[in-house]
Structures are given as structure tokens and as C-alpha cells.
Amino acid sequence: MISRVRASRWLKPAFLLIALAFCGYGLATQRAEIGAALTDLSGWALAGALAAGLGGLVAWMLAWRSLLTGLGSPLPFGAAFRIMFLAQLGKYVPGSVWALVGQVELAKERQVPRERGASATLLAMATTIATGCAIAAVTLPLTSADATRRYWWLLPLAPLLLAALHPAVISFLLTRALRIVRRPPPARPGGAAMARAMAWTVLGWALFGMHAWLLADDLGGAGPLLSTGAYALAFVVGFLVIIAPGGLGAREAALVVALSPTLPDGGPVVVALASRVVLTVADLLCAAVAFALGRTPAPVPAPERTPPAPAAPGRPEA
């Protein structure tokens, strides 16, 4: 039964339509506030924030691709782009698991085993949250005492999560998790693959911090350091509130608290709402490009060539 559902040609279009509907609903519920917020910002700030947001999304996609390569399933850039950004629409559906499920199923079409696809996606999430906690832990105590007091419980997680990204620890945790669901243990990602994934992830954080800084700077406050830490904190908080699609509400609340010390009254709310719109547009643009790429067939390995039989003794070769 499950295999029939997976094979249905209507399943993926239906999933995309549902995700787009939830995405549109999330924006529509705040359309008045969003409209007012966007009028307070210049077109240049919004365009720059959108460009930085797009760059951050691509950097995180490359981090996931690096992990998948380290686990033994390298993918071309176009295939990884399509899988990542079509699946990421699932984060707008309540439940916070649909993006992961979509990524695993789309990767399976490219001959990536589900266990390996799930391992790479979970590792990418863990890397993102661990580095996000670390960035928030380093920056917020220096810039936002209010955010540090309110979200102090996130800061001790940073060293624990970073230590858990050691390949040996990852291998142990993944093996235990897959043993529970009676799946074979995955390949262990090498240190080089983890280092590349960490580098792409940190670059993504820098670009997302730039997007927040461009919006905040347009209102007259918040430097790059505070903006990066504030967005990292907001993203992690939104990620942990699993019942909210895309962290809706929780992310904005954390961003407002973190930016309040340096922005005039009402400014943090404007930045939070504008950030939500800008990054939603970035998600939709990436998904549109991914959809336009179309599905490319998985590469078929070339057949092995059988060496010619040796000529019989005493007979010349033709």
C-alpha cells in the first residue's frame, strides 16, 4: 500500500499544492501588518536582503550536498538543487517533518538509499542548529542582554551540539537510531565532508545575517554582529517550535527581542515581518527554478566491457 502511494503520479503535485496553500495562508493572515512593514523599507534594502537570503539558501543546499557526498551518494548540482528546494516547501506544512520526508523521497529518485538520504538531511539539520546556537552564544551576550536573559537555555546547547558533530559521535547516533527502526547502519561521513558542510553552513549564516542587517540598517540601527546573532537565535527558536509551520510566530518573536536594544520603537517588528516575506519569496523563487529544471534521469552505470578472448596458439589474430 505504501509503495503504491509513493509511486502515485499525483502525490508530488498534491504535496506541492498543499505546501503552497499553507505558505500563502501564513502570509495572508498577516497581510495588513506585512504591507505596513514593507512600506517602511526601501526597495534597495529589500532587494539586497532577498539576494543575501537566496545566497544563504544555496549555501545550505551545498552543505547538505557535501554530507550526501561524504556518505557515498554524490549528486550533480542541478539534481541537489531540485531535490532540496522542492522538498523545502514542506516546512510550511504543520508538523515540521514534511521537508525531511520530501527530501528523502526525491533523493530516492536519484538512486540515493532512503537511509542515506535521511542521514544526510538529519546531519544537515544538526549542523545548522549547532552552528546557529554557537553564533547566538558568541554574539548575543555582547549585544543583547534581554535576548540572553530570555533565551539563556539555548546557549549551553552550543558546545554540546558542536561536540555531537564529531564523525565518531555521528556514526554512533545514526547507527543507534537506525537500529531502532531495523535499518542497516549508514556509511560514516568523513572529517573532510563534515568540514565542508560546516564551512557552507557558516557561510549561509553569514549571508542570512547580512539579510537581517540590511533590513535593520535601513531603519537606522543594528550592526552586522547583532543582526547575525539575532537571526541565528530566531531561526533556532523557530526550528524548535515544531507545531508552527516554518517557525511562524516564534521566529519573529525572538528576532524582535534580540533587535530591540538598537532599533527604534516598532523597528524590530518591521524587520521581523519583512524578513519573513523576503525569505518566503526566496524559498518560492528557488522552488520555481527547481521545478523549471525538471526531473533529470538518474545516471545509468556503463556496462562492464568483457575483454576479448586470447587468440588460439598457432593462429594469427584477425
Protein backbone atom coordinates (compact mmCIF):
# COMPACT_ATOMS: atom_id res chain seq x y z
CA MET A 1 0.00 0.00 0.00
CA ILE A 2 2.77 2.44 0.98
CA SER A 3 4.69 1.67 -2.22
CA ARG A 4 1.58 2.41 -4.29
CA VAL A 5 1.16 5.78 -2.60
CA ARG A 6 4.81 6.62 -3.21
CA ALA A 7 4.51 5.64 -6.87
CA SER A 8 1.36 7.70 -7.48
CA ARG A 9 1.97 10.39 -10.08
CA TRP A 10 -0.49 12.66 -8.26
CA LEU A 11 1.28 12.56 -4.91
CA LYS A 12 4.05 15.07 -5.64
CA PRO A 13 1.82 17.70 -7.34
CA ALA A 14 -0.69 17.37 -4.50
CA PHE A 15 2.08 17.81 -1.92
CA LEU A 16 3.37 20.93 -3.70
CA LEU A 17 -0.12 22.44 -3.91
CA ILE A 18 -0.76 21.79 -0.21
CA ALA A 19 2.59 23.32 0.76
CA LEU A 20 1.96 26.40 -1.40
CA ALA A 21 -1.52 26.77 0.10
CA PHE A 22 -0.13 26.75 3.66
CA CYS A 23 2.61 29.17 2.60
CA GLY A 24 0.04 31.58 1.15
CA TYR A 25 -2.20 31.21 4.20
CA GLY A 26 0.67 32.08 6.54
CA LEU A 27 1.31 35.32 4.66
CA ALA A 28 -2.38 36.16 4.26
CA THR A 29 -3.03 36.03 8.00
CA GLN A 30 -0.59 38.92 8.46
CA ARG A 31 -1.13 40.78 5.20
CA ALA A 32 -2.04 44.12 6.82
CA GLU A 33 0.98 44.13 9.14
CA ILE A 34 3.28 42.91 6.37
CA GLY A 35 2.07 45.60 3.97
CA ALA A 36 2.70 48.30 6.54
CA ALA A 37 6.15 46.92 7.32
CA LEU A 38 7.25 46.77 3.69
CA THR A 39 6.32 50.42 3.11
CA ASP A 40 8.80 51.43 5.85
CA LEU A 41 11.74 49.89 3.97
CA SER A 42 13.49 50.99 0.80
CA GLY A 43 13.46 48.90 -2.34
CA TRP A 44 17.25 48.61 -2.23
CA ALA A 45 17.19 47.14 1.28
CA LEU A 46 14.53 44.60 0.31
CA ALA A 47 16.36 43.65 -2.91
CA GLY A 48 19.67 43.27 -1.09
CA ALA A 49 18.06 41.20 1.67
CA LEU A 50 16.45 38.96 -0.94
CA ALA A 51 19.78 38.42 -2.72
CA ALA A 52 21.50 37.59 0.57
CA GLY A 53 18.67 35.23 1.52
CA LEU A 54 18.95 33.40 -1.81
CA GLY A 55 22.69 33.04 -1.28
CA GLY A 56 22.14 31.64 2.20
CA LEU A 57 19.68 29.04 0.92
CA VAL A 58 22.10 27.89 -1.79
CA ALA A 59 24.96 27.67 0.73
CA TRP A 60 22.88 25.42 2.98
CA MET A 61 21.93 23.28 0.00
CA LEU A 62 25.65 22.83 -0.75
CA ALA A 63 26.22 21.81 2.88
CA TRP A 64 23.61 19.05 2.51
CA ARG A 65 25.14 18.00 -0.82
CA SER A 66 28.58 17.77 0.83
CA LEU A 67 27.20 15.48 3.52
CA LEU A 68 25.48 13.31 0.95
CA THR A 69 28.76 13.03 -0.96
CA GLY A 70 30.57 12.07 2.24
CA LEU A 71 28.02 9.31 2.83
CA GLY A 72 28.65 7.88 -0.64
CA SER A 73 25.92 9.41 -2.84
CA PRO A 74 27.32 12.40 -4.76
CA LEU A 75 24.75 14.37 -6.73
CA PRO A 76 25.16 16.91 -9.54
CA PHE A 77 24.47 20.50 -8.54
CA GLY A 78 21.20 20.67 -10.51
CA ALA A 79 19.82 17.47 -9.02
CA ALA A 80 20.69 18.54 -5.47
CA PHE A 81 19.15 21.97 -6.09
CA ARG A 82 15.90 20.45 -7.36
CA ILE A 83 15.60 17.96 -4.51
CA MET A 84 16.37 20.47 -1.78
CA PHE A 85 14.14 23.33 -2.84
CA LEU A 86 11.10 21.35 -3.90
CA ALA A 87 11.24 19.45 -0.61
CA GLN A 88 11.77 22.60 1.46
CA LEU A 89 8.27 23.79 0.64
CA GLY A 90 7.20 21.10 3.09
CA LYS A 91 8.39 23.23 6.01
CA TYR A 92 5.32 25.41 5.54
CA VAL A 93 3.06 22.43 6.28
CA PRO A 94 2.42 21.98 10.04
CA GLY A 95 4.39 19.13 11.56
CA SER A 96 7.99 20.00 10.61
CA VAL A 97 8.68 16.55 9.15
CA TRP A 98 7.40 17.03 5.61
CA ALA A 99 10.53 18.74 4.33
CA LEU A 100 12.63 15.81 5.56
CA VAL A 101 10.24 13.24 4.06
CA GLY A 102 10.12 15.08 0.75
CA GLN A 103 13.90 15.37 0.58
CA VAL A 104 14.38 11.66 1.24
CA GLU A 105 11.77 10.60 -1.32
CA LEU A 106 13.02 12.93 -4.05
CA ALA A 107 16.61 11.82 -3.42
CA LYS A 108 15.45 8.21 -3.80
CA GLU A 109 14.58 9.02 -7.42
CA ARG A 110 18.29 9.72 -7.91
CA GLN A 111 19.24 6.28 -6.55
CA VAL A 112 20.04 7.61 -3.06
CA PRO A 113 19.01 4.98 -0.48
CA ARG A 114 16.43 6.28 1.96
CA GLU A 115 18.64 5.58 4.97
CA ARG A 116 21.45 7.61 3.40
CA GLY A 117 19.14 10.43 2.34
CA ALA A 118 17.61 10.62 5.82
CA SER A 119 21.05 10.55 7.45
CA ALA A 120 22.35 13.41 5.28
CA THR A 121 19.24 15.51 5.90
CA LEU A 122 19.30 14.96 9.67
CA LEU A 123 23.02 15.75 9.73
CA ALA A 124 22.41 18.96 7.79
CA MET A 125 19.73 19.98 10.30
CA ALA A 126 22.01 19.16 13.24
CA THR A 127 24.89 21.13 11.70
CA THR A 128 22.64 24.13 11.10
CA ILE A 129 21.23 24.14 14.64
CA ALA A 130 24.62 23.53 16.28
CA THR A 131 26.36 26.34 14.41
CA GLY A 132 23.33 28.61 14.91
CA CYS A 133 23.44 28.06 18.68
CA ALA A 134 27.18 28.74 18.64
CA ILE A 135 26.77 32.01 16.72
CA ALA A 136 23.99 33.15 19.05
CA ALA A 137 26.03 32.15 22.13
CA VAL A 138 29.03 34.18 20.96
CA THR A 139 27.25 37.31 19.72
CA LEU A 140 24.14 37.90 21.84
CA PRO A 141 25.80 38.29 25.27
CA LEU A 142 27.83 41.13 23.72
CA THR A 143 24.91 42.87 22.03
CA SER A 144 21.51 41.96 23.52
CA ALA A 145 21.21 41.36 27.26
CA ASP A 146 17.43 40.97 27.01
CA ALA A 147 17.66 38.17 24.45
CA THR A 148 20.37 36.48 26.52
CA ARG A 149 18.17 36.51 29.64
CA ARG A 150 15.09 35.25 27.84
CA TYR A 151 16.73 32.53 25.75
CA TRP A 152 19.63 31.58 28.03
CA TRP A 153 18.65 27.90 27.83
CA LEU A 154 19.75 27.79 24.18
CA LEU A 155 23.28 28.98 24.86
CA PRO A 156 24.56 25.93 26.83
CA LEU A 157 23.43 23.73 23.94
CA ALA A 158 26.09 25.17 21.62
CA PRO A 159 29.16 23.25 22.91
CA LEU A 160 27.17 20.04 23.33
CA LEU A 161 25.75 20.18 19.80
CA LEU A 162 29.11 21.08 18.26
CA ALA A 163 30.74 18.14 20.05
CA ALA A 164 28.00 15.88 18.72
CA LEU A 165 29.06 16.76 15.16
CA HIS A 166 32.27 14.73 15.51
CA PRO A 167 32.13 11.93 12.89
CA ALA A 168 32.53 9.22 15.54
CA VAL A 169 29.63 10.58 17.58
CA ILE A 170 27.50 10.98 14.45
CA SER A 171 28.19 7.40 13.40
CA PHE A 172 27.22 6.12 16.85
CA LEU A 173 23.98 8.14 17.00
CA LEU A 174 22.88 7.27 13.46
CA THR A 175 23.61 3.59 13.99
CA ARG A 176 21.53 3.56 17.18
CA ALA A 177 18.67 5.45 15.56
CA LEU A 178 18.52 3.19 12.52
CA ARG A 179 18.77 0.08 14.68
CA ILE A 180 15.53 1.15 16.39
CA VAL A 181 13.71 1.15 13.03
CA ARG A 182 15.54 -2.02 11.96
CA ARG A 183 17.58 -0.44 9.21
CA PRO A 184 21.22 -1.16 8.36
CA PRO A 185 23.79 1.29 9.73
CA PRO A 186 24.75 4.09 7.32
CA ALA A 187 28.17 4.90 6.00
CA ARG A 188 30.17 7.19 8.25
CA PRO A 189 30.76 10.72 6.90
CA GLY A 190 34.43 11.58 6.81
CA GLY A 191 36.01 14.53 8.54
CA ALA A 192 36.56 16.32 5.23
CA ALA A 193 32.86 16.05 4.34
CA MET A 194 31.86 17.38 7.76
CA ALA A 195 34.34 20.25 7.45
CA ARG A 196 32.95 21.24 4.05
CA ALA A 197 29.41 21.05 5.35
CA MET A 198 30.32 23.21 8.36
CA ALA A 199 32.00 25.77 6.10
CA TRP A 200 28.97 26.04 3.79
CA THR A 201 26.66 26.25 6.79
CA VAL A 202 28.63 29.07 8.41
CA LEU A 203 28.70 30.91 5.08
CA GLY A 204 24.93 30.52 4.96
CA TRP A 205 24.62 32.02 8.44
CA ALA A 206 26.76 34.97 7.37
CA LEU A 207 24.50 35.60 4.37
CA PHE A 208 21.33 35.30 6.43
CA GLY A 209 22.88 37.68 8.95
CA MET A 210 23.55 40.09 6.09
CA HIS A 211 19.90 39.90 5.03
CA ALA A 212 18.79 40.83 8.56
CA TRP A 213 21.41 43.58 8.80
CA LEU A 214 20.34 45.20 5.51
CA LEU A 215 16.75 45.39 6.75
CA ALA A 216 17.72 46.69 10.21
CA ASP A 217 20.28 49.15 8.88
CA ASP A 218 17.63 50.68 6.63
CA LEU A 219 15.75 51.65 9.79
CA GLY A 220 18.79 53.22 11.40
CA GLY A 221 20.24 50.61 13.73
CA ALA A 222 21.57 47.11 14.50
CA GLY A 223 25.07 46.28 13.31
CA PRO A 224 26.12 43.16 11.40
CA LEU A 225 27.17 41.26 14.55
CA LEU A 226 23.87 41.77 16.37
CA SER A 227 21.85 41.09 13.21
CA THR A 228 23.62 37.78 12.57
CA GLY A 229 23.27 36.64 16.17
CA ALA A 230 19.65 37.77 16.31
CA TYR A 231 18.70 35.86 13.18
CA ALA A 232 20.59 32.75 14.33
CA LEU A 233 18.71 32.83 17.64
CA ALA A 234 15.37 33.42 15.89
CA PHE A 235 15.92 30.57 13.44
CA VAL A 236 16.86 28.06 16.15
CA VAL A 237 13.87 29.05 18.30
CA GLY A 238 11.54 28.78 15.29
CA PHE A 239 13.01 25.39 14.39
CA LEU A 240 12.40 24.02 17.87
CA VAL A 241 8.74 25.10 17.86
CA ILE A 242 7.71 22.16 15.69
CA ILE A 243 3.98 22.90 15.69
CA ALA A 244 4.47 26.21 13.85
CA PRO A 245 4.99 25.86 10.09
CA GLY A 246 8.33 27.40 9.21
CA GLY A 247 8.64 28.66 12.79
CA LEU A 248 5.87 31.18 12.15
CA GLY A 249 5.43 33.49 15.13
CA ALA A 250 8.20 32.04 17.30
CA ARG A 251 10.94 33.18 14.93
CA GLU A 252 9.52 36.70 14.71
CA ALA A 253 9.15 36.98 18.50
CA ALA A 254 12.78 36.01 19.11
CA LEU A 255 14.01 38.39 16.41
CA VAL A 256 12.05 41.28 17.94
CA VAL A 257 13.53 40.62 21.40
CA ALA A 258 17.08 40.40 20.06
CA LEU A 259 16.89 43.55 17.91
CA SER A 260 15.03 45.75 20.41
CA PRO A 261 18.15 47.28 22.07
CA THR A 262 19.33 49.05 18.91
CA LEU A 263 16.22 49.81 16.85
CA PRO A 264 13.60 52.50 17.43
CA ASP A 265 10.12 51.54 18.62
CA GLY A 266 8.36 49.41 16.03
CA GLY A 267 11.59 48.79 14.10
CA PRO A 268 12.16 45.20 15.28
CA VAL A 269 8.62 44.23 14.28
CA VAL A 270 9.16 45.75 10.82
CA VAL A 271 12.40 43.78 10.37
CA ALA A 272 10.82 40.53 11.60
CA LEU A 273 7.83 40.79 9.26
CA ALA A 274 9.93 41.92 6.29
CA SER A 275 12.39 39.07 6.92
CA ARG A 276 9.53 36.57 6.86
CA VAL A 277 8.31 37.90 3.49
CA VAL A 278 11.78 38.15 1.94
CA LEU A 279 12.78 34.61 2.88
CA THR A 280 9.42 33.19 1.83
CA VAL A 281 9.89 34.83 -1.58
CA ALA A 282 13.42 33.36 -1.68
CA ASP A 283 12.01 29.89 -0.95
CA LEU A 284 9.40 30.28 -3.70
CA LEU A 285 11.95 31.54 -6.23
CA CYS A 286 14.27 28.61 -5.53
CA ALA A 287 11.33 26.20 -5.79
CA ALA A 288 10.29 27.75 -9.10
CA VAL A 289 13.80 27.32 -10.50
CA ALA A 290 13.90 23.75 -9.17
CA PHE A 291 10.57 22.98 -10.81
CA ALA A 292 11.75 24.52 -14.10
CA LEU A 293 14.84 22.31 -14.07
CA GLY A 294 12.56 19.29 -14.49
CA ARG A 295 13.39 15.79 -13.48
CA THR A 296 16.59 14.51 -15.00
CA PRO A 297 17.00 10.74 -15.14
CA ALA A 298 19.45 9.18 -12.76
CA PRO A 299 22.73 8.23 -14.39
CA VAL A 300 22.87 4.65 -15.61
CA PRO A 301 26.21 2.96 -14.98
CA ALA A 302 28.01 1.91 -18.11
CA PRO A 303 28.04 -1.86 -18.73
CA GLU A 304 31.26 -3.62 -17.94
CA ARG A 305 33.29 -4.44 -21.03
CA THR A 306 34.37 -8.05 -21.35
CA PRO A 307 37.97 -8.33 -22.51
CA PRO A 308 38.41 -10.26 -25.79
CA ALA A 309 39.37 -13.91 -25.50
CA PRO A 310 43.06 -14.61 -26.26
CA ALA A 311 43.80 -15.99 -29.73
CA ALA A 312 44.36 -19.72 -30.01
CA PRO A 313 48.06 -20.78 -30.23
CA GLY A 314 49.34 -21.01 -33.75
CA ARG A 315 46.51 -18.99 -35.26
CA PRO A 316 47.07 -15.35 -36.24
CA GLU A 317 44.70 -12.75 -34.92
CA ALA A 318 42.25 -11.22 -37.40
